[in-house]
N, C-alpha and C. Protein backbone atom coordinates (compact mmCIF):
# COMPACT_ATOMS: atom_id res chain seq x y z
N MET A 1 5.17 9.46 -3.79
CA MET A 1 4.99 8.01 -4.23
C MET A 1 4.68 7.79 -5.85
N THR A 2 6.04 7.50 -6.51
CA THR A 2 5.65 7.60 -7.77
C THR A 2 6.02 6.36 -8.50
N ASP A 3 6.66 5.18 -7.74
CA ASP A 3 6.93 4.22 -8.69
C ASP A 3 6.10 3.35 -8.63
N SER A 4 5.90 2.79 -10.14
CA SER A 4 4.70 1.73 -10.24
C SER A 4 4.36 0.43 -9.72
N LEU A 5 3.55 -0.13 -9.37
CA LEU A 5 3.38 -1.26 -9.04
C LEU A 5 3.57 -2.21 -9.83
N THR A 6 3.55 -2.03 -11.09
CA THR A 6 3.67 -3.41 -12.09
C THR A 6 4.96 -4.19 -11.80
N GLY A 7 4.45 -5.36 -11.55
CA GLY A 7 5.58 -6.55 -11.50
C GLY A 7 5.02 -7.63 -11.02
N VAL A 8 6.14 -8.45 -10.43
CA VAL A 8 5.59 -9.62 -9.87
C VAL A 8 5.84 -9.55 -8.43
N TRP A 9 4.75 -10.13 -7.57
CA TRP A 9 4.57 -9.89 -6.08
C TRP A 9 4.35 -11.40 -5.81
N ASP A 10 5.11 -11.11 -4.40
CA ASP A 10 4.84 -12.95 -3.69
C ASP A 10 3.87 -12.25 -2.43
N GLY A 11 2.96 -13.42 -2.47
CA GLY A 11 2.11 -12.87 -1.54
C GLY A 11 1.51 -13.93 -0.41
N THR A 12 0.90 -13.62 0.72
CA THR A 12 0.77 -14.51 1.71
C THR A 12 -0.88 -14.02 2.17
N TYR A 13 -1.48 -14.70 2.39
CA TYR A 13 -3.21 -14.34 3.01
C TYR A 13 -3.27 -15.49 4.15
N VAL A 14 -3.89 -14.65 5.04
CA VAL A 14 -4.04 -15.94 6.15
C VAL A 14 -5.83 -15.89 6.31
N GLN A 15 -6.31 -17.09 6.53
CA GLN A 15 -7.57 -17.46 6.47
C GLN A 15 -7.77 -18.32 7.69
N ARG A 16 -8.77 -17.89 8.45
CA ARG A 16 -9.16 -18.88 9.75
C ARG A 16 -9.36 -20.27 9.45
N GLY A 17 -9.01 -20.59 10.03
CA GLY A 17 -9.08 -22.37 9.77
C GLY A 17 -8.53 -22.94 9.11
N ILE A 18 -7.91 -22.28 8.34
CA ILE A 18 -6.92 -22.76 7.38
C ILE A 18 -5.12 -22.66 7.44
N GLY A 19 -5.21 -21.55 7.71
CA GLY A 19 -3.55 -20.88 7.96
C GLY A 19 -3.31 -19.92 7.00
N MET A 20 -2.15 -20.00 6.70
CA MET A 20 -1.51 -19.19 5.66
C MET A 20 -1.45 -19.78 4.47
N ILE A 21 -1.54 -18.70 3.43
CA ILE A 21 -1.95 -19.62 1.85
C ILE A 21 -1.07 -18.82 1.12
N THR A 22 0.00 -19.01 0.38
CA THR A 22 1.07 -18.24 -0.26
C THR A 22 0.23 -17.92 -1.85
N PHE A 23 0.73 -16.95 -2.52
CA PHE A 23 0.38 -16.87 -3.97
C PHE A 23 1.57 -15.87 -4.44
N LEU A 24 1.15 -16.17 -5.93
CA LEU A 24 1.95 -15.12 -6.51
C LEU A 24 1.30 -14.02 -7.80
N ALA A 25 1.19 -12.70 -7.55
CA ALA A 25 0.48 -12.12 -8.45
C ALA A 25 1.28 -11.17 -9.45
N THR A 26 0.88 -10.76 -10.32
CA THR A 26 1.22 -10.58 -11.45
C THR A 26 0.52 -8.93 -11.51
N LEU A 27 1.05 -7.63 -11.07
CA LEU A 27 0.45 -6.52 -11.21
C LEU A 27 0.61 -5.66 -12.62
N ILE A 28 -0.13 -5.20 -13.04
CA ILE A 28 -0.02 -3.98 -14.06
C ILE A 28 -0.83 -2.71 -13.58
N GLU A 29 0.15 -1.73 -13.53
CA GLU A 29 -0.55 -0.71 -13.09
C GLU A 29 -0.45 0.58 -13.98
N THR A 30 -1.59 0.88 -14.90
CA THR A 30 -1.48 1.81 -15.59
C THR A 30 -2.60 3.39 -15.12
N GLY A 31 -1.75 4.22 -15.16
CA GLY A 31 -2.56 5.46 -14.56
C GLY A 31 -2.58 5.03 -12.92
N SER A 32 -4.09 5.26 -12.51
CA SER A 32 -4.74 5.03 -11.25
C SER A 32 -5.29 3.46 -11.17
N ALA A 33 -5.15 2.90 -12.37
CA ALA A 33 -5.62 1.37 -12.65
C ALA A 33 -5.03 0.36 -12.52
N LEU A 34 -5.33 -0.44 -12.14
CA LEU A 34 -4.82 -1.87 -11.33
C LEU A 34 -5.39 -2.90 -11.93
N GLY A 35 -4.63 -3.77 -12.36
CA GLY A 35 -4.87 -4.95 -13.14
C GLY A 35 -3.76 -6.30 -12.91
N GLY A 36 -4.18 -7.10 -13.28
CA GLY A 36 -3.33 -8.50 -13.14
C GLY A 36 -3.69 -9.89 -13.14
N SER A 37 -2.83 -10.76 -12.43
CA SER A 37 -3.54 -11.79 -12.48
C SER A 37 -2.72 -12.85 -10.89
N VAL A 38 -3.26 -13.75 -10.74
CA VAL A 38 -2.94 -14.13 -9.23
C VAL A 38 -3.06 -16.04 -9.24
N THR A 39 -2.09 -16.27 -9.17
CA THR A 39 -2.21 -17.90 -8.90
C THR A 39 -1.85 -18.39 -7.45
N GLU A 40 -2.68 -19.28 -7.15
CA GLU A 40 -2.26 -19.90 -5.56
C GLU A 40 -2.80 -21.18 -5.61
N PRO A 41 -2.12 -22.14 -4.76
CA PRO A 41 -2.87 -23.23 -4.46
C PRO A 41 -4.22 -23.38 -3.69
N CYS A 42 -4.62 -24.68 -4.14
CA CYS A 42 -5.96 -24.94 -3.70
C CYS A 42 -5.84 -25.08 -2.21
N SER A 43 -6.37 -24.56 -1.24
CA SER A 43 -6.56 -24.56 0.26
C SER A 43 -7.84 -25.22 0.91
N GLN A 44 -8.50 -25.52 0.22
CA GLN A 44 -9.98 -26.19 0.41
C GLN A 44 -10.04 -28.07 0.70
N PRO A 45 -9.66 -28.50 1.64
CA PRO A 45 -10.24 -29.99 1.56
C PRO A 45 -10.69 -30.59 0.53
N GLY A 46 -10.62 -31.71 -0.46
CA GLY A 46 -11.46 -32.33 -1.19
C GLY A 46 -11.38 -31.23 -2.31
N CYS A 47 -10.76 -30.61 -2.70
CA CYS A 47 -10.70 -29.65 -3.86
C CYS A 47 -10.08 -30.30 -5.01
N PRO A 48 -11.05 -30.45 -6.20
CA PRO A 48 -10.14 -31.06 -7.36
C PRO A 48 -9.13 -30.52 -8.10
N SER A 49 -8.87 -29.35 -7.96
CA SER A 49 -7.75 -28.41 -8.63
C SER A 49 -6.45 -28.31 -7.53
N ARG A 50 -5.38 -28.32 -8.18
CA ARG A 50 -4.04 -28.30 -7.41
C ARG A 50 -3.89 -26.91 -6.89
N GLY A 51 -4.15 -26.05 -8.14
CA GLY A 51 -4.23 -24.80 -7.86
C GLY A 51 -5.28 -23.53 -8.76
N HIS A 52 -5.35 -22.60 -8.48
CA HIS A 52 -6.29 -21.60 -8.94
C HIS A 52 -5.63 -20.28 -9.43
N ASN A 53 -6.44 -19.79 -10.38
CA ASN A 53 -6.09 -18.50 -11.23
C ASN A 53 -7.13 -17.69 -10.94
N ALA A 54 -6.83 -16.09 -10.75
CA ALA A 54 -7.76 -15.34 -10.54
C ALA A 54 -7.28 -13.92 -11.36
N ALA A 55 -8.02 -13.21 -11.91
CA ALA A 55 -7.91 -11.99 -12.49
C ALA A 55 -8.29 -10.79 -11.37
N ILE A 56 -7.27 -9.77 -11.38
CA ILE A 56 -7.29 -8.62 -10.42
C ILE A 56 -7.80 -7.04 -11.36
N ASP A 57 -8.63 -6.76 -10.66
CA ASP A 57 -9.19 -5.34 -11.31
C ASP A 57 -9.56 -4.31 -9.95
N GLY A 58 -8.57 -3.60 -10.02
CA GLY A 58 -8.95 -2.35 -9.24
C GLY A 58 -8.27 -0.89 -9.47
N HIS A 59 -7.62 -0.28 -8.15
CA HIS A 59 -7.18 0.90 -8.19
C HIS A 59 -6.02 1.18 -7.22
N ARG A 60 -5.35 2.58 -7.69
CA ARG A 60 -4.56 2.92 -6.37
C ARG A 60 -4.50 4.53 -6.44
N SER A 61 -4.88 5.32 -5.20
CA SER A 61 -4.48 6.35 -4.89
C SER A 61 -3.78 6.57 -3.85
N GLY A 62 -2.79 7.19 -4.10
CA GLY A 62 -1.21 7.62 -3.27
C GLY A 62 -0.83 6.36 -2.94
N SER A 63 -0.92 5.99 -1.34
CA SER A 63 -0.44 4.56 -0.99
C SER A 63 -1.72 3.87 -0.77
N ALA A 64 -2.76 4.27 -0.89
CA ALA A 64 -4.08 3.25 -0.77
C ALA A 64 -4.33 2.43 -2.21
N VAL A 65 -4.74 0.88 -1.92
CA VAL A 65 -4.87 -0.21 -3.12
C VAL A 65 -6.06 -0.74 -2.90
N SER A 66 -6.89 -0.86 -3.75
CA SER A 66 -7.99 -1.72 -3.48
C SER A 66 -8.14 -2.64 -4.82
N PHE A 67 -8.37 -4.08 -4.62
CA PHE A 67 -8.85 -4.35 -5.84
C PHE A 67 -9.67 -5.26 -5.50
N VAL A 68 -9.99 -6.00 -6.81
CA VAL A 68 -11.06 -7.41 -6.78
C VAL A 68 -10.43 -8.39 -7.36
N LYS A 69 -10.35 -9.75 -6.66
CA LYS A 69 -9.94 -11.00 -7.30
C LYS A 69 -10.85 -11.75 -7.47
N ARG A 70 -11.04 -12.20 -8.98
CA ARG A 70 -12.20 -12.98 -9.36
C ARG A 70 -11.51 -14.37 -9.94
N TYR A 71 -11.94 -15.60 -9.12
CA TYR A 71 -11.01 -16.54 -9.33
C TYR A 71 -11.98 -17.20 -10.87
N GLU A 72 -10.99 -17.73 -11.81
CA GLU A 72 -11.43 -18.16 -13.07
C GLU A 72 -10.83 -19.87 -13.06
N PRO A 73 -11.89 -20.80 -13.54
CA PRO A 73 -13.48 -20.35 -13.55
C PRO A 73 -13.15 -20.46 -11.86
N ASN A 74 -14.86 -20.04 -11.75
CA ASN A 74 -15.57 -19.96 -10.57
C ASN A 74 -16.03 -21.42 -10.04
N ASP A 75 -14.68 -22.00 -9.09
CA ASP A 75 -15.04 -23.37 -8.81
C ASP A 75 -14.29 -23.85 -7.49
N CYS A 76 -15.20 -24.70 -6.86
CA CYS A 76 -14.54 -25.33 -5.52
C CYS A 76 -14.93 -24.22 -4.64
N GLY A 77 -15.99 -23.64 -4.38
CA GLY A 77 -16.51 -22.35 -3.64
C GLY A 77 -15.63 -21.09 -3.71
N TYR A 78 -14.92 -20.99 -4.67
CA TYR A 78 -13.95 -19.49 -4.86
C TYR A 78 -14.50 -18.54 -5.94
N ASP A 79 -14.46 -17.45 -5.59
CA ASP A 79 -15.58 -16.64 -6.27
C ASP A 79 -14.60 -15.04 -6.44
N THR A 80 -15.39 -14.33 -5.36
CA THR A 80 -14.81 -12.81 -5.39
C THR A 80 -14.43 -12.83 -4.25
N VAL A 81 -12.87 -11.92 -3.98
CA VAL A 81 -12.50 -11.62 -2.86
C VAL A 81 -12.19 -10.02 -3.23
N CYS A 82 -12.46 -9.41 -1.95
CA CYS A 82 -12.21 -7.83 -2.27
C CYS A 82 -10.59 -7.53 -1.26
N TYR A 83 -9.68 -6.91 -1.73
CA TYR A 83 -8.34 -6.82 -0.88
C TYR A 83 -8.56 -4.89 -0.72
N GLU A 84 -7.98 -4.75 0.57
CA GLU A 84 -7.63 -3.09 0.65
C GLU A 84 -6.48 -3.14 1.43
N GLY A 85 -5.51 -2.26 0.71
CA GLY A 85 -4.16 -2.37 1.42
C GLY A 85 -3.37 -0.84 1.23
N VAL A 86 -2.37 -1.05 2.08
CA VAL A 86 -1.35 0.36 1.97
C VAL A 86 0.09 -0.23 1.62
N ILE A 87 0.51 0.54 0.60
CA ILE A 87 1.75 0.59 -0.13
C ILE A 87 3.02 1.01 1.01
N ASN A 88 3.68 0.62 1.21
CA ASN A 88 5.19 1.06 1.89
C ASN A 88 5.79 2.20 1.25
N ALA A 89 6.63 2.97 1.79
CA ALA A 89 6.96 3.95 1.20
C ALA A 89 8.11 3.97 0.31
N GLU A 90 8.67 2.86 0.14
CA GLU A 90 9.56 2.04 -0.83
C GLU A 90 8.72 1.46 -2.45
N THR A 91 7.51 1.23 -1.84
CA THR A 91 6.85 0.59 -2.64
C THR A 91 7.39 -0.91 -3.23
N THR A 92 7.59 -1.41 -1.69
CA THR A 92 8.03 -3.09 -1.86
C THR A 92 7.23 -3.97 -1.36
N GLU A 93 5.98 -3.34 -0.50
CA GLU A 93 5.20 -4.25 0.19
C GLU A 93 3.77 -3.43 0.26
N ILE A 94 2.67 -4.44 0.21
CA ILE A 94 1.49 -3.81 0.25
C ILE A 94 0.86 -4.93 1.40
N ASP A 95 0.32 -4.24 2.48
CA ASP A 95 -0.09 -4.98 3.68
C ASP A 95 -1.79 -4.24 3.92
N GLY A 96 -2.57 -5.41 3.96
CA GLY A 96 -3.86 -4.89 4.23
C GLY A 96 -4.97 -6.21 4.73
N ARG A 97 -6.10 -5.80 4.18
CA ARG A 97 -6.89 -7.03 4.80
C ARG A 97 -7.81 -7.13 3.51
N TRP A 98 -8.53 -8.64 3.61
CA TRP A 98 -9.01 -9.01 2.12
C TRP A 98 -10.46 -9.65 3.06
N THR A 99 -11.95 -9.07 1.85
CA THR A 99 -13.14 -9.87 2.61
C THR A 99 -13.67 -10.43 1.76
N ILE A 100 -14.72 -11.39 1.84
CA ILE A 100 -15.70 -11.90 0.68
C ILE A 100 -17.07 -11.17 1.16
N PRO A 101 -17.11 -10.66 0.10
CA PRO A 101 -18.62 -9.70 -0.13
C PRO A 101 -19.70 -11.08 0.46
N GLY A 102 -20.71 -10.16 1.36
CA GLY A 102 -21.66 -10.98 1.86
C GLY A 102 -21.44 -12.35 2.77
N SER A 103 -20.22 -12.22 3.31
CA SER A 103 -20.09 -13.42 4.04
C SER A 103 -19.20 -12.74 5.50
N SER A 104 -18.82 -13.59 6.45
CA SER A 104 -17.97 -13.03 7.58
C SER A 104 -16.53 -13.76 7.40
N PHE A 105 -16.50 -14.09 6.27
CA PHE A 105 -14.99 -14.26 6.23
C PHE A 105 -14.17 -13.00 5.88
N SER A 106 -13.08 -12.99 6.11
CA SER A 106 -11.83 -11.73 5.97
C SER A 106 -10.32 -12.30 6.93
N GLY A 107 -9.53 -11.72 6.74
CA GLY A 107 -8.55 -11.79 7.10
C GLY A 107 -7.19 -11.08 6.58
N THR A 108 -6.02 -11.14 6.73
CA THR A 108 -4.72 -10.54 6.40
C THR A 108 -4.09 -10.87 5.28
N PHE A 109 -3.53 -9.70 4.71
CA PHE A 109 -2.26 -10.22 3.56
C PHE A 109 -1.39 -9.36 3.20
N LEU A 110 -0.37 -9.97 2.73
CA LEU A 110 1.04 -9.26 2.77
C LEU A 110 1.61 -9.70 1.27
N MET A 111 1.63 -8.57 0.60
CA MET A 111 2.40 -8.59 -0.63
C MET A 111 3.71 -7.97 -0.52
N VAL A 112 5.22 -8.81 -1.25
CA VAL A 112 6.19 -8.17 -0.99
C VAL A 112 6.60 -8.41 -3.01
N ARG A 113 7.27 -7.01 -3.13
CA ARG A 113 7.76 -7.06 -4.30
C ARG A 113 9.10 -8.13 -4.73
N SER A 114 8.59 -8.83 -6.01
CA SER A 114 9.70 -9.69 -6.01
C SER A 114 11.09 -9.03 -6.67
N ASN A 115 11.90 -10.03 -7.05
CA ASN A 115 13.20 -9.20 -7.72
C ASN A 115 13.29 -9.81 -8.90
N GLU A 116 12.51 -10.80 -9.37
CA GLU A 116 12.27 -11.35 -10.67
C GLU A 116 11.07 -10.57 -11.61
N ALA A 117 11.78 -10.46 -12.89
CA ALA A 117 10.89 -9.86 -13.93
C ALA A 117 9.72 -10.76 -14.16
N ALA A 118 8.52 -9.68 -14.34
CA ALA A 118 7.32 -10.39 -14.81
C ALA A 118 7.18 -11.31 -15.72
N GLN A 119 6.53 -12.69 -15.41
CA GLN A 119 6.52 -13.30 -16.85
C GLN A 119 4.96 -14.17 -16.48
N SER A 120 5.26 -15.00 -17.50
CA SER A 120 3.63 -16.01 -17.31
C SER A 120 4.29 -17.39 -17.27
N VAL A 121 4.69 -17.69 -16.02
CA VAL A 121 5.07 -18.91 -16.08
C VAL A 121 4.36 -19.31 -14.41
N THR A 122 4.00 -20.74 -14.45
CA THR A 122 2.88 -21.01 -13.41
C THR A 122 4.24 -21.63 -12.74
N THR A 123 3.23 -21.59 -11.17
CA THR A 123 4.15 -22.20 -10.14
C THR A 123 4.25 -23.73 -10.58
N GLU A 124 3.48 -24.42 -10.88
CA GLU A 124 3.54 -25.76 -11.27
C GLU A 124 4.83 -25.97 -12.61
N GLU A 125 4.79 -25.13 -13.33
CA GLU A 125 5.85 -25.22 -14.40
C GLU A 125 7.43 -24.67 -13.62
N ARG A 126 7.19 -23.76 -12.56
CA ARG A 126 8.63 -23.62 -12.02
C ARG A 126 8.97 -24.84 -11.16
N ILE A 127 8.14 -25.78 -10.32
CA ILE A 127 8.41 -26.86 -9.91
C ILE A 127 9.18 -27.79 -10.98
N LYS A 128 8.76 -28.18 -11.84
CA LYS A 128 8.87 -28.85 -12.92
C LYS A 128 10.57 -28.31 -13.30
N GLU A 129 10.98 -27.65 -13.02
CA GLU A 129 12.06 -27.38 -13.85
C GLU A 129 13.46 -27.77 -13.06
N PRO A 130 14.45 -28.59 -13.85
CA PRO A 130 15.57 -29.14 -13.05
C PRO A 130 16.24 -28.11 -11.99
N THR A 131 16.86 -28.62 -11.09
CA THR A 131 17.63 -28.11 -10.13
C THR A 131 18.93 -27.63 -10.84
N ARG A 132 19.54 -26.92 -10.53
CA ARG A 132 21.00 -26.96 -11.13
C ARG A 132 21.95 -26.82 -9.90
């Protein structure tokens, strides 16, 4: 497997008591290092933010991927989440589990490579675009 993971990925994760949450990830792979960012809606009741941004820092070894997602800023109970997953043979999906260190919170996640080019447009800006 030699295809780079660099690009835009549509993702979902499942959290007990809340359900499925969608997110948009931009991954940048350099050698075995993996970085990038995530944008997702707020899933906590009473959260003052409509969405959250996080930075990704991790690595890839063959078909195994692991990364830490750190929310910026750390607010509304969001902090650090660890992800471990496996890339499919076509490098179009990453499937795995997430955990919150020091807690019993965990669940599954799935990321699917988007067909769009990487760009720094937030979900909120996309919603504001006129429909054609």
